[in-house]
Full PDB file with SEQRES, HELIX, SHEET, SSBOND, CRYST1, ORIGX, SCALE, CONECT and MASTER records, all heavy atoms in Angstrom:
SEQRES   1 A   39  ASN THR TYR LEU THR ALA TYR ALA HIS ASN SER LYS LEU          
SEQRES   2 A   39  LEU VAL LYS GLU GLY ASP SER VAL ARG LYS GLY GLN LYS          
SEQRES   3 A   39  ILE ALA GLU MET GLY ASP THR ASP THR ASN ALA PRO LYS          
SHEET    1 AA1 2 LYS A  12  LEU A  13  0                                        
SHEET    2 AA1 2 ALA A  28  GLU A  29 -1                                        
CRYST1    1.000    1.000    1.000  90.00  90.00  90.00 P 1           1          
ORIGX1      1.000000  0.000000  0.000000        0.00000                         
ORIGX2      0.000000  1.000000  0.000000        0.00000                         
ORIGX3      0.000000  0.000000  1.000000        0.00000                         
SCALE1      1.000000  0.000000  0.000000        0.00000                         
SCALE2      0.000000  1.000000  0.000000        0.00000                         
SCALE3      0.000000  0.000000  1.000000        0.00000                         
ATOM      1  N   ASN A   1      -0.523  12.639  14.206  1.00  0.00           N  
ATOM      2  CA  ASN A   1       0.853  12.883  14.603  1.00  0.00           C  
ATOM      3  C   ASN A   1       1.491  11.728  15.361  1.00  0.00           C  
ATOM      4  O   ASN A   1       2.673  11.794  15.744  1.00  0.00           O  
ATOM      5  CB  ASN A   1       0.973  14.181  15.412  1.00  0.00           C  
ATOM      6  CG  ASN A   1       0.732  15.401  14.550  1.00  0.00           C  
ATOM      7  OD1 ASN A   1       1.101  15.412  13.369  1.00  0.00           O  
ATOM      8  ND2 ASN A   1       0.144  16.436  15.107  1.00  0.00           N  
ATOM      9  N   THR A   2       0.715  10.692  15.645  1.00  0.00           N  
ATOM     10  CA  THR A   2       1.207   9.571  16.431  1.00  0.00           C  
ATOM     11  C   THR A   2       1.320   8.290  15.599  1.00  0.00           C  
ATOM     12  O   THR A   2       2.310   7.557  15.641  1.00  0.00           O  
ATOM     13  CB  THR A   2       0.334   9.274  17.648  1.00  0.00           C  
ATOM     14  OG1 THR A   2       0.281  10.467  18.460  1.00  0.00           O  
ATOM     15  CG2 THR A   2       0.858   8.108  18.476  1.00  0.00           C  
ATOM     16  N   TYR A   3       0.292   8.038  14.798  1.00  0.00           N  
ATOM     17  CA  TYR A   3       0.164   6.722  14.109  1.00  0.00           C  
ATOM     18  C   TYR A   3       0.411   6.807  12.614  1.00  0.00           C  
ATOM     19  O   TYR A   3      -0.025   7.743  11.901  1.00  0.00           O  
ATOM     20  CB  TYR A   3      -1.228   6.160  14.352  1.00  0.00           C  
ATOM     21  CG  TYR A   3      -1.519   5.890  15.793  1.00  0.00           C  
ATOM     22  CD1 TYR A   3      -2.317   6.777  16.526  1.00  0.00           C  
ATOM     23  CD2 TYR A   3      -0.996   4.777  16.463  1.00  0.00           C  
ATOM     24  CE1 TYR A   3      -2.598   6.565  17.885  1.00  0.00           C  
ATOM     25  CE2 TYR A   3      -1.256   4.556  17.797  1.00  0.00           C  
ATOM     26  CZ  TYR A   3      -2.031   5.440  18.503  1.00  0.00           C  
ATOM     27  OH  TYR A   3      -2.309   5.212  19.821  1.00  0.00           O  
ATOM     28  N   LEU A   4       1.106   5.770  12.132  1.00  0.00           N  
ATOM     29  CA  LEU A   4       1.443   5.661  10.717  1.00  0.00           C  
ATOM     30  C   LEU A   4       1.444   4.187  10.343  1.00  0.00           C  
ATOM     31  O   LEU A   4       1.870   3.340  11.129  1.00  0.00           O  
ATOM     32  CB  LEU A   4       2.847   6.275  10.512  1.00  0.00           C  
ATOM     33  CG  LEU A   4       3.571   6.211   9.183  1.00  0.00           C  
ATOM     34  CD1 LEU A   4       4.525   7.401   9.067  1.00  0.00           C  
ATOM     35  CD2 LEU A   4       4.344   4.914   9.028  1.00  0.00           C  
ATOM     36  N   THR A   5       0.886   3.853   9.182  1.00  0.00           N  
ATOM     37  CA  THR A   5       0.873   2.476   8.707  1.00  0.00           C  
ATOM     38  C   THR A   5       1.596   2.346   7.370  1.00  0.00           C  
ATOM     39  O   THR A   5       1.601   3.298   6.556  1.00  0.00           O  
ATOM     40  CB  THR A   5      -0.549   1.915   8.557  1.00  0.00           C  
ATOM     41  OG1 THR A   5      -1.342   2.805   7.763  1.00  0.00           O  
ATOM     42  CG2 THR A   5      -1.212   1.694   9.936  1.00  0.00           C  
ATOM     43  N   ALA A   6       2.241   1.209   7.161  1.00  0.00           N  
ATOM     44  CA  ALA A   6       2.995   0.974   5.937  1.00  0.00           C  
ATOM     45  C   ALA A   6       2.550  -0.347   5.273  1.00  0.00           C  
ATOM     46  O   ALA A   6       2.258  -1.320   5.971  1.00  0.00           O  
ATOM     47  CB  ALA A   6       4.492   0.893   6.250  1.00  0.00           C  
ATOM     48  N   TYR A   7       2.445  -0.323   3.934  1.00  0.00           N  
ATOM     49  CA  TYR A   7       1.945  -1.449   3.136  1.00  0.00           C  
ATOM     50  C   TYR A   7       2.951  -1.756   2.065  1.00  0.00           C  
ATOM     51  O   TYR A   7       3.153  -0.969   1.141  1.00  0.00           O  
ATOM     52  CB  TYR A   7       0.594  -1.070   2.512  1.00  0.00           C  
ATOM     53  CG  TYR A   7      -0.399  -0.451   3.454  1.00  0.00           C  
ATOM     54  CD1 TYR A   7      -0.212   0.895   3.882  1.00  0.00           C  
ATOM     55  CD2 TYR A   7      -1.514  -1.115   3.947  1.00  0.00           C  
ATOM     56  CE1 TYR A   7      -1.128   1.484   4.770  1.00  0.00           C  
ATOM     57  CE2 TYR A   7      -2.389  -0.574   4.816  1.00  0.00           C  
ATOM     58  CZ  TYR A   7      -2.199   0.757   5.237  1.00  0.00           C  
ATOM     59  OH  TYR A   7      -3.082   1.351   6.118  1.00  0.00           O  
ATOM     60  N   ALA A   8       3.680  -2.891   2.168  1.00  0.00           N  
ATOM     61  CA  ALA A   8       4.819  -3.183   1.318  1.00  0.00           C  
ATOM     62  C   ALA A   8       4.615  -4.348   0.354  1.00  0.00           C  
ATOM     63  O   ALA A   8       3.704  -5.148   0.521  1.00  0.00           O  
ATOM     64  CB  ALA A   8       6.052  -3.458   2.172  1.00  0.00           C  
ATOM     65  N   HIS A   9       5.528  -4.414  -0.701  1.00  0.00           N  
ATOM     66  CA  HIS A   9       5.604  -5.465  -1.650  1.00  0.00           C  
ATOM     67  C   HIS A   9       4.451  -5.454  -2.692  1.00  0.00           C  
ATOM     68  O   HIS A   9       4.177  -6.490  -3.312  1.00  0.00           O  
ATOM     69  CB  HIS A   9       5.655  -6.855  -1.002  1.00  0.00           C  
ATOM     70  CG  HIS A   9       6.731  -6.982   0.007  1.00  0.00           C  
ATOM     71  ND1 HIS A   9       8.039  -6.633  -0.228  1.00  0.00           N  
ATOM     72  CD2 HIS A   9       6.703  -7.455   1.298  1.00  0.00           C  
ATOM     73  CE1 HIS A   9       8.776  -6.846   0.848  1.00  0.00           C  
ATOM     74  NE2 HIS A   9       7.983  -7.344   1.795  1.00  0.00           N  
ATOM     75  N   ASN A  10       3.785  -4.351  -2.868  1.00  0.00           N  
ATOM     76  CA  ASN A  10       2.652  -4.287  -3.772  1.00  0.00           C  
ATOM     77  C   ASN A  10       3.099  -4.402  -5.230  1.00  0.00           C  
ATOM     78  O   ASN A  10       4.225  -4.072  -5.616  1.00  0.00           O  
ATOM     79  CB  ASN A  10       1.937  -2.927  -3.625  1.00  0.00           C  
ATOM     80  CG  ASN A  10       1.498  -2.724  -2.189  1.00  0.00           C  
ATOM     81  OD1 ASN A  10       0.549  -3.385  -1.705  1.00  0.00           O  
ATOM     82  ND2 ASN A  10       2.120  -1.808  -1.486  1.00  0.00           N  
ATOM     83  N   SER A  11       2.186  -4.940  -6.057  1.00  0.00           N  
ATOM     84  CA  SER A  11       2.463  -5.035  -7.487  1.00  0.00           C  
ATOM     85  C   SER A  11       2.058  -3.737  -8.180  1.00  0.00           C  
ATOM     86  O   SER A  11       2.618  -3.373  -9.235  1.00  0.00           O  
ATOM     87  CB  SER A  11       1.679  -6.204  -8.116  1.00  0.00           C  
ATOM     88  OG  SER A  11       0.276  -6.021  -7.965  1.00  0.00           O  
ATOM     89  N   LYS A  12       1.099  -3.027  -7.607  1.00  0.00           N  
ATOM     90  CA  LYS A  12       0.596  -1.783  -8.223  1.00  0.00           C  
ATOM     91  C   LYS A  12       0.139  -0.850  -7.133  1.00  0.00           C  
ATOM     92  O   LYS A  12      -0.547  -1.245  -6.175  1.00  0.00           O  
ATOM     93  CB  LYS A  12      -0.555  -2.100  -9.170  1.00  0.00           C  
ATOM     94  CG  LYS A  12      -1.103  -0.924  -9.929  1.00  0.00           C  
ATOM     95  CD  LYS A  12      -2.215  -1.366 -10.894  1.00  0.00           C  
ATOM     96  CE  LYS A  12      -2.731  -0.208 -11.699  1.00  0.00           C  
ATOM     97  NZ  LYS A  12      -3.825  -0.646 -12.641  1.00  0.00           N  
ATOM     98  N   LEU A  13       0.499   0.453  -7.273  1.00  0.00           N  
ATOM     99  CA  LEU A  13       0.060   1.446  -6.326  1.00  0.00           C  
ATOM    100  C   LEU A  13      -1.084   2.248  -6.943  1.00  0.00           C  
ATOM    101  O   LEU A  13      -0.978   2.702  -8.105  1.00  0.00           O  
ATOM    102  CB  LEU A  13       1.214   2.405  -5.980  1.00  0.00           C  
ATOM    103  CG  LEU A  13       2.498   1.738  -5.393  1.00  0.00           C  
ATOM    104  CD1 LEU A  13       3.561   2.769  -5.077  1.00  0.00           C  
ATOM    105  CD2 LEU A  13       2.170   0.872  -4.207  1.00  0.00           C  
ATOM    106  N   LEU A  14      -2.118   2.469  -6.171  1.00  0.00           N  
ATOM    107  CA  LEU A  14      -3.317   3.167  -6.666  1.00  0.00           C  
ATOM    108  C   LEU A  14      -3.465   4.576  -6.110  1.00  0.00           C  
ATOM    109  O   LEU A  14      -4.462   5.241  -6.396  1.00  0.00           O  
ATOM    110  CB  LEU A  14      -4.554   2.339  -6.399  1.00  0.00           C  
ATOM    111  CG  LEU A  14      -4.510   0.893  -6.931  1.00  0.00           C  
ATOM    112  CD1 LEU A  14      -5.807   0.141  -6.521  1.00  0.00           C  
ATOM    113  CD2 LEU A  14      -4.335   0.898  -8.435  1.00  0.00           C  
ATOM    114  N   VAL A  15      -2.561   4.990  -5.265  1.00  0.00           N  
ATOM    115  CA  VAL A  15      -2.592   6.316  -4.664  1.00  0.00           C  
ATOM    116  C   VAL A  15      -1.241   6.983  -4.850  1.00  0.00           C  
ATOM    117  O   VAL A  15      -0.248   6.335  -5.143  1.00  0.00           O  
ATOM    118  CB  VAL A  15      -2.970   6.243  -3.164  1.00  0.00           C  
ATOM    119  CG1 VAL A  15      -4.404   5.765  -2.986  1.00  0.00           C  
ATOM    120  CG2 VAL A  15      -2.015   5.355  -2.411  1.00  0.00           C  
ATOM    121  N   LYS A  16      -1.229   8.297  -4.581  1.00  0.00           N  
ATOM    122  CA  LYS A  16       0.042   9.031  -4.665  1.00  0.00           C  
ATOM    123  C   LYS A  16       0.182   9.911  -3.444  1.00  0.00           C  
ATOM    124  O   LYS A  16      -0.763  10.075  -2.668  1.00  0.00           O  
ATOM    125  CB  LYS A  16       0.054   9.900  -5.946  1.00  0.00           C  
ATOM    126  CG  LYS A  16      -1.041  10.965  -6.007  1.00  0.00           C  
ATOM    127  CD  LYS A  16      -0.996  11.677  -7.320  1.00  0.00           C  
ATOM    128  CE  LYS A  16      -2.025  12.842  -7.382  1.00  0.00           C  
ATOM    129  NZ  LYS A  16      -3.417  12.331  -7.238  1.00  0.00           N  
ATOM    130  N   GLU A  17       1.348  10.455  -3.245  1.00  0.00           N  
ATOM    131  CA  GLU A  17       1.635  11.295  -2.088  1.00  0.00           C  
ATOM    132  C   GLU A  17       0.686  12.465  -2.055  1.00  0.00           C  
ATOM    133  O   GLU A  17       0.423  13.112  -3.062  1.00  0.00           O  
ATOM    134  CB  GLU A  17       3.085  11.784  -2.126  1.00  0.00           C  
ATOM    135  CG  GLU A  17       4.102  10.709  -1.880  1.00  0.00           C  
ATOM    136  CD  GLU A  17       5.527  11.226  -1.896  1.00  0.00           C  
ATOM    137  OE1 GLU A  17       5.704  12.431  -1.690  1.00  0.00           O  
ATOM    138  OE2 GLU A  17       6.454  10.442  -2.131  1.00  0.00           O  
ATOM    139  N   GLY A  18       0.138  12.742  -0.840  1.00  0.00           N  
ATOM    140  CA  GLY A  18      -0.789  13.856  -0.671  1.00  0.00           C  
ATOM    141  C   GLY A  18      -2.235  13.459  -0.749  1.00  0.00           C  
ATOM    142  O   GLY A  18      -3.119  14.244  -0.344  1.00  0.00           O  
ATOM    143  N   ASP A  19      -2.517  12.236  -1.225  1.00  0.00           N  
ATOM    144  CA  ASP A  19      -3.938  11.799  -1.311  1.00  0.00           C  
ATOM    145  C   ASP A  19      -4.484  11.532   0.088  1.00  0.00           C  
ATOM    146  O   ASP A  19      -3.805  10.960   0.971  1.00  0.00           O  
ATOM    147  CB  ASP A  19      -4.033  10.498  -2.132  1.00  0.00           C  
ATOM    148  CG  ASP A  19      -3.877  10.738  -3.611  1.00  0.00           C  
ATOM    149  OD1 ASP A  19      -3.831  11.910  -4.010  1.00  0.00           O  
ATOM    150  OD2 ASP A  19      -3.812   9.743  -4.373  1.00  0.00           O  
ATOM    151  N   SER A  20      -5.752  11.883   0.281  1.00  0.00           N  
ATOM    152  CA  SER A  20      -6.449  11.494   1.528  1.00  0.00           C  
ATOM    153  C   SER A  20      -7.161  10.197   1.268  1.00  0.00           C  
ATOM    154  O   SER A  20      -7.762  10.010   0.175  1.00  0.00           O  
ATOM    155  CB  SER A  20      -7.471  12.583   1.921  1.00  0.00           C  
ATOM    156  OG  SER A  20      -6.796  13.786   2.295  1.00  0.00           O  
ATOM    157  N   VAL A  21      -7.103   9.263   2.167  1.00  0.00           N  
ATOM    158  CA  VAL A  21      -7.726   7.948   1.998  1.00  0.00           C  
ATOM    159  C   VAL A  21      -8.669   7.663   3.158  1.00  0.00           C  
ATOM    160  O   VAL A  21      -8.485   8.186   4.261  1.00  0.00           O  
ATOM    161  CB  VAL A  21      -6.687   6.839   1.846  1.00  0.00           C  
ATOM    162  CG1 VAL A  21      -5.828   7.025   0.611  1.00  0.00           C  
ATOM    163  CG2 VAL A  21      -5.787   6.753   3.091  1.00  0.00           C  
ATOM    164  N   ARG A  22      -9.644   6.817   2.856  1.00  0.00           N  
ATOM    165  CA  ARG A  22     -10.612   6.429   3.867  1.00  0.00           C  
ATOM    166  C   ARG A  22     -10.388   4.994   4.314  1.00  0.00           C  
ATOM    167  O   ARG A  22      -9.803   4.162   3.546  1.00  0.00           O  
ATOM    168  CB  ARG A  22     -12.064   6.547   3.310  1.00  0.00           C  
ATOM    169  CG  ARG A  22     -12.390   7.922   2.737  1.00  0.00           C  
ATOM    170  CD  ARG A  22     -12.417   9.004   3.798  1.00  0.00           C  
ATOM    171  NE  ARG A  22     -13.466   8.768   4.789  1.00  0.00           N  
ATOM    172  CZ  ARG A  22     -13.703   9.600   5.790  1.00  0.00           C  
ATOM    173  NH1 ARG A  22     -12.930  10.681   5.973  1.00  0.00           N  
ATOM    174  NH2 ARG A  22     -14.680   9.364   6.678  1.00  0.00           N  
ATOM    175  N   LYS A  23     -10.791   4.672   5.480  1.00  0.00           N  
ATOM    176  CA  LYS A  23     -10.642   3.357   6.038  1.00  0.00           C  
ATOM    177  C   LYS A  23     -11.347   2.352   5.108  1.00  0.00           C  
ATOM    178  O   LYS A  23     -12.494   2.534   4.717  1.00  0.00           O  
ATOM    179  CB  LYS A  23     -11.248   3.283   7.429  1.00  0.00           C  
ATOM    180  CG  LYS A  23     -11.051   1.968   8.161  1.00  0.00           C  
ATOM    181  CD  LYS A  23     -11.594   2.092   9.574  1.00  0.00           C  
ATOM    182  CE  LYS A  23     -11.315   0.889  10.425  1.00  0.00           C  
ATOM    183  NZ  LYS A  23     -11.760   1.057  11.836  1.00  0.00           N  
ATOM    184  N   GLY A  24     -10.645   1.279   4.692  1.00  0.00           N  
ATOM    185  CA  GLY A  24     -11.190   0.295   3.797  1.00  0.00           C  
ATOM    186  C   GLY A  24     -11.052   0.617   2.320  1.00  0.00           C  
ATOM    187  O   GLY A  24     -11.412  -0.214   1.473  1.00  0.00           O  
ATOM    188  N   GLN A  25     -10.481   1.764   1.979  1.00  0.00           N  
ATOM    189  CA  GLN A  25     -10.282   2.151   0.579  1.00  0.00           C  
ATOM    190  C   GLN A  25      -9.141   1.320  -0.008  1.00  0.00           C  
ATOM    191  O   GLN A  25      -8.105   1.110   0.606  1.00  0.00           O  
ATOM    192  CB  GLN A  25      -9.974   3.633   0.477  1.00  0.00           C  
ATOM    193  CG  GLN A  25      -9.673   4.122  -0.929  1.00  0.00           C  
ATOM    194  CD  GLN A  25      -9.338   5.597  -0.976  1.00  0.00           C  
ATOM    195  OE1 GLN A  25      -9.766   6.401  -0.123  1.00  0.00           O  
ATOM    196  NE2 GLN A  25      -8.562   6.024  -1.965  1.00  0.00           N  
ATOM    197  N   LYS A  26      -9.321   0.892  -1.262  1.00  0.00           N  
ATOM    198  CA  LYS A  26      -8.289   0.163  -1.950  1.00  0.00           C  
ATOM    199  C   LYS A  26      -7.177   1.115  -2.388  1.00  0.00           C  
ATOM    200  O   LYS A  26      -7.407   2.080  -3.091  1.00  0.00           O  
ATOM    201  CB  LYS A  26      -8.854  -0.546  -3.193  1.00  0.00           C  
ATOM    202  CG  LYS A  26      -7.836  -1.403  -3.949  1.00  0.00           C  
ATOM    203  CD  LYS A  26      -8.482  -2.110  -5.134  1.00  0.00           C  
ATOM    204  CE  LYS A  26      -7.468  -2.956  -5.913  1.00  0.00           C  
ATOM    205  NZ  LYS A  26      -8.092  -3.628  -7.076  1.00  0.00           N  
ATOM    206  N   ILE A  27      -5.967   0.875  -1.865  1.00  0.00           N  
ATOM    207  CA  ILE A  27      -4.847   1.772  -2.117  1.00  0.00           C  
ATOM    208  C   ILE A  27      -3.760   1.141  -2.954  1.00  0.00           C  
ATOM    209  O   ILE A  27      -2.870   1.810  -3.478  1.00  0.00           O  
ATOM    210  CB  ILE A  27      -4.240   2.291  -0.806  1.00  0.00           C  
ATOM    211  CG1 ILE A  27      -3.756   1.167   0.068  1.00  0.00           C  
ATOM    212  CG2 ILE A  27      -5.272   3.163  -0.069  1.00  0.00           C  
ATOM    213  CD1 ILE A  27      -3.043   1.591   1.334  1.00  0.00           C  
ATOM    214  N   ALA A  28      -3.819  -0.188  -3.085  1.00  0.00           N  
ATOM    215  CA  ALA A  28      -2.788  -0.902  -3.866  1.00  0.00           C  
ATOM    216  C   ALA A  28      -3.280  -2.303  -4.196  1.00  0.00           C  
ATOM    217  O   ALA A  28      -4.342  -2.728  -3.764  1.00  0.00           O  
ATOM    218  CB  ALA A  28      -1.472  -0.965  -3.086  1.00  0.00           C  
ATOM    219  N   GLU A  29      -2.457  -2.990  -4.967  1.00  0.00           N  
ATOM    220  CA  GLU A  29      -2.723  -4.384  -5.275  1.00  0.00           C  
ATOM    221  C   GLU A  29      -1.535  -5.235  -4.781  1.00  0.00           C  
ATOM    222  O   GLU A  29      -0.373  -4.843  -4.973  1.00  0.00           O  
ATOM    223  CB  GLU A  29      -2.937  -4.612  -6.772  1.00  0.00           C  
ATOM    224  CG  GLU A  29      -4.226  -3.944  -7.253  1.00  0.00           C  
ATOM    225  CD  GLU A  29      -4.443  -4.150  -8.731  1.00  0.00           C  
ATOM    226  OE1 GLU A  29      -3.588  -4.776  -9.415  1.00  0.00           O  
ATOM    227  OE2 GLU A  29      -5.507  -3.674  -9.275  1.00  0.00           O  
ATOM    228  N   MET A  30      -1.855  -6.371  -4.165  1.00  0.00           N  
ATOM    229  CA  MET A  30      -0.817  -7.191  -3.581  1.00  0.00           C  
ATOM    230  C   MET A  30       0.168  -7.700  -4.645  1.00  0.00           C  
ATOM    231  O   MET A  30      -0.213  -7.857  -5.808  1.00  0.00           O  
ATOM    232  CB  MET A  30      -1.447  -8.392  -2.868  1.00  0.00           C  
ATOM    233  CG  MET A  30      -0.487  -9.183  -2.005  1.00  0.00           C  
ATOM    234  SD  MET A  30      -1.311 -10.567  -1.123  1.00  0.00           S  
ATOM    235  CE  MET A  30      -2.357  -9.697   0.018  1.00  0.00           C  
ATOM    236  N   GLY A  31       1.412  -7.868  -4.233  1.00  0.00           N  
ATOM    237  CA  GLY A  31       2.433  -8.318  -5.167  1.00  0.00           C  
ATOM    238  C   GLY A  31       3.582  -8.989  -4.476  1.00  0.00           C  
ATOM    239  O   GLY A  31       3.492  -9.412  -3.318  1.00  0.00           O  
ATOM    240  N   ASP A  32       4.676  -9.144  -5.200  1.00  0.00           N  
ATOM    241  CA  ASP A  32       5.873  -9.809  -4.666  1.00  0.00           C  
ATOM    242  C   ASP A  32       7.122  -9.001  -4.943  1.00  0.00           C  
ATOM    243  O   ASP A  32       8.208  -9.587  -5.082  1.00  0.00           O  
ATOM    244  CB  ASP A  32       6.014 -11.225  -5.228  1.00  0.00           C  
ATOM    245  CG  ASP A  32       6.023 -11.248  -6.741  1.00  0.00           C  
ATOM    246  OD1 ASP A  32       5.994 -10.157  -7.374  1.00  0.00           O  
ATOM    247  OD2 ASP A  32       6.078 -12.345  -7.323  1.00  0.00           O  
ATOM    248  N   THR A  33       7.017  -7.681  -5.049  1.00  0.00           N  
ATOM    249  CA  THR A  33       8.160  -6.842  -5.289  1.00  0.00           C  
ATOM    250  C   THR A  33       9.094  -6.850  -4.059  1.00  0.00           C  
ATOM    251  O   THR A  33       8.676  -6.655  -2.941  1.00  0.00           O  
ATOM    252  CB  THR A  33       7.782  -5.396  -5.626  1.00  0.00           C  
ATOM    253  OG1 THR A  33       6.929  -4.861  -4.545  1.00  0.00           O  
ATOM    254  CG2 THR A  33       7.007  -5.362  -6.914  1.00  0.00           C  
ATOM    255  N   ASP A  34      10.343  -7.119  -4.324  1.00  0.00           N  
ATOM    256  CA  ASP A  34      11.386  -7.174  -3.267  1.00  0.00           C  
ATOM    257  C   ASP A  34      11.152  -8.269  -2.242  1.00  0.00           C  
ATOM    258  O   ASP A  34      11.542  -8.154  -1.095  1.00  0.00           O  
ATOM    259  CB  ASP A  34      11.492  -5.838  -2.559  1.00  0.00           C  
ATOM    260  CG  ASP A  34      12.945  -5.343  -2.481  1.00  0.00           C  
ATOM    261  OD1 ASP A  34      13.848  -6.112  -2.869  1.00  0.00           O  
ATOM    262  OD2 ASP A  34      13.200  -4.220  -2.024  1.00  0.00           O  
ATOM    263  N   THR A  35      10.479  -9.331  -2.660  1.00  0.00           N  
ATOM    264  CA  THR A  35      10.277 -10.469  -1.778  1.00  0.00           C  
ATOM    265  C   THR A  35      10.132 -11.729  -2.657  1.00  0.00           C  
ATOM    266  O   THR A  35      10.102 -11.600  -3.893  1.00  0.00           O  
ATOM    267  CB  THR A  35       9.060 -10.292  -0.869  1.00  0.00           C  
ATOM    268  OG1 THR A  35       8.999 -11.345   0.081  1.00  0.00           O  
ATOM    269  CG2 THR A  35       7.745 -10.247  -1.656  1.00  0.00           C  
ATOM    270  N   ASN A  36      10.004 -12.888  -2.027  1.00  0.00           N  
ATOM    271  CA  ASN A  36      10.032 -14.129  -2.802  1.00  0.00           C  
ATOM    272  C   ASN A  36       8.658 -14.771  -3.047  1.00  0.00           C  
ATOM    273  O   ASN A  36       8.565 -15.799  -3.672  1.00  0.00           O  
ATOM    274  CB  ASN A  36      10.938 -15.148  -2.141  1.00  0.00           C  
ATOM    275  CG  ASN A  36      10.582 -15.381  -0.679  1.00  0.00           C  
ATOM    276  OD1 ASN A  36       9.526 -14.929  -0.222  1.00  0.00           O  
ATOM    277  ND2 ASN A  36      11.435 -16.088   0.035  1.00  0.00           N  
ATOM    278  N   ALA A  37       7.583 -14.155  -2.555  1.00  0.00           N  
ATOM    279  CA  ALA A  37       6.220 -14.689  -2.718  1.00  0.00           C  
ATOM    280  C   ALA A  37       5.232 -13.558  -2.545  1.00  0.00           C  
ATOM    281  O   ALA A  37       5.469 -12.619  -1.801  1.00  0.00           O  
ATOM    282  CB  ALA A  37       5.966 -15.834  -1.724  1.00  0.00           C  
ATOM    283  N   PRO A  38       4.068 -13.675  -3.186  1.00  0.00           N  
ATOM    284  CA  PRO A  38       3.050 -12.624  -3.047  1.00  0.00           C  
ATOM    285  C   PRO A  38       2.591 -12.514  -1.605  1.00  0.00           C  
ATOM    286  O   PRO A  38       2.204 -13.505  -0.967  1.00  0.00           O  
ATOM    287  CB  PRO A  38       1.924 -13.111  -3.969  1.00  0.00           C  
ATOM    288  CG  PRO A  38       2.552 -14.041  -4.918  1.00  0.00           C  
ATOM    289  CD  PRO A  38       3.672 -14.708  -4.163  1.00  0.00           C  
ATOM    290  N   LYS A  39       2.646 -11.300  -1.068  1.00  0.00           N  
ATOM    291  CA  LYS A  39       2.220 -11.072   0.283  1.00  0.00           C  
ATOM    292  C   LYS A  39       2.153  -9.556   0.555  1.00  0.00           C  
ATOM    293  O   LYS A  39       2.714  -8.758  -0.197  1.00  0.00           O  
ATOM    294  CB  LYS A  39       3.145 -11.716   1.308  1.00  0.00           C  
ATOM    295  CG  LYS A  39       4.550 -11.144   1.335  1.00  0.00           C  
ATOM    296  CD  LYS A  39       5.429 -11.852   2.341  1.00  0.00           C  
ATOM    297  CE  LYS A  39       6.846 -11.319   2.332  1.00  0.00           C  
ATOM    298  NZ  LYS A  39       7.729 -12.036   3.304  1.00  0.00           N  
TER     299      LYS A  39                                                      
MASTER        0    0    0    0    2    0    0    6  298    1    0    3          
END                                                                             
């Protein structure tokens, strides 16, 4: 209820709303959506 993290500009999303994820789990692939360089 306190902490939330956000991961932006991905090229591909590997999870969907409602999924439980573990620390270190791959949730997306880096990309350059809505930005000028991959990051």
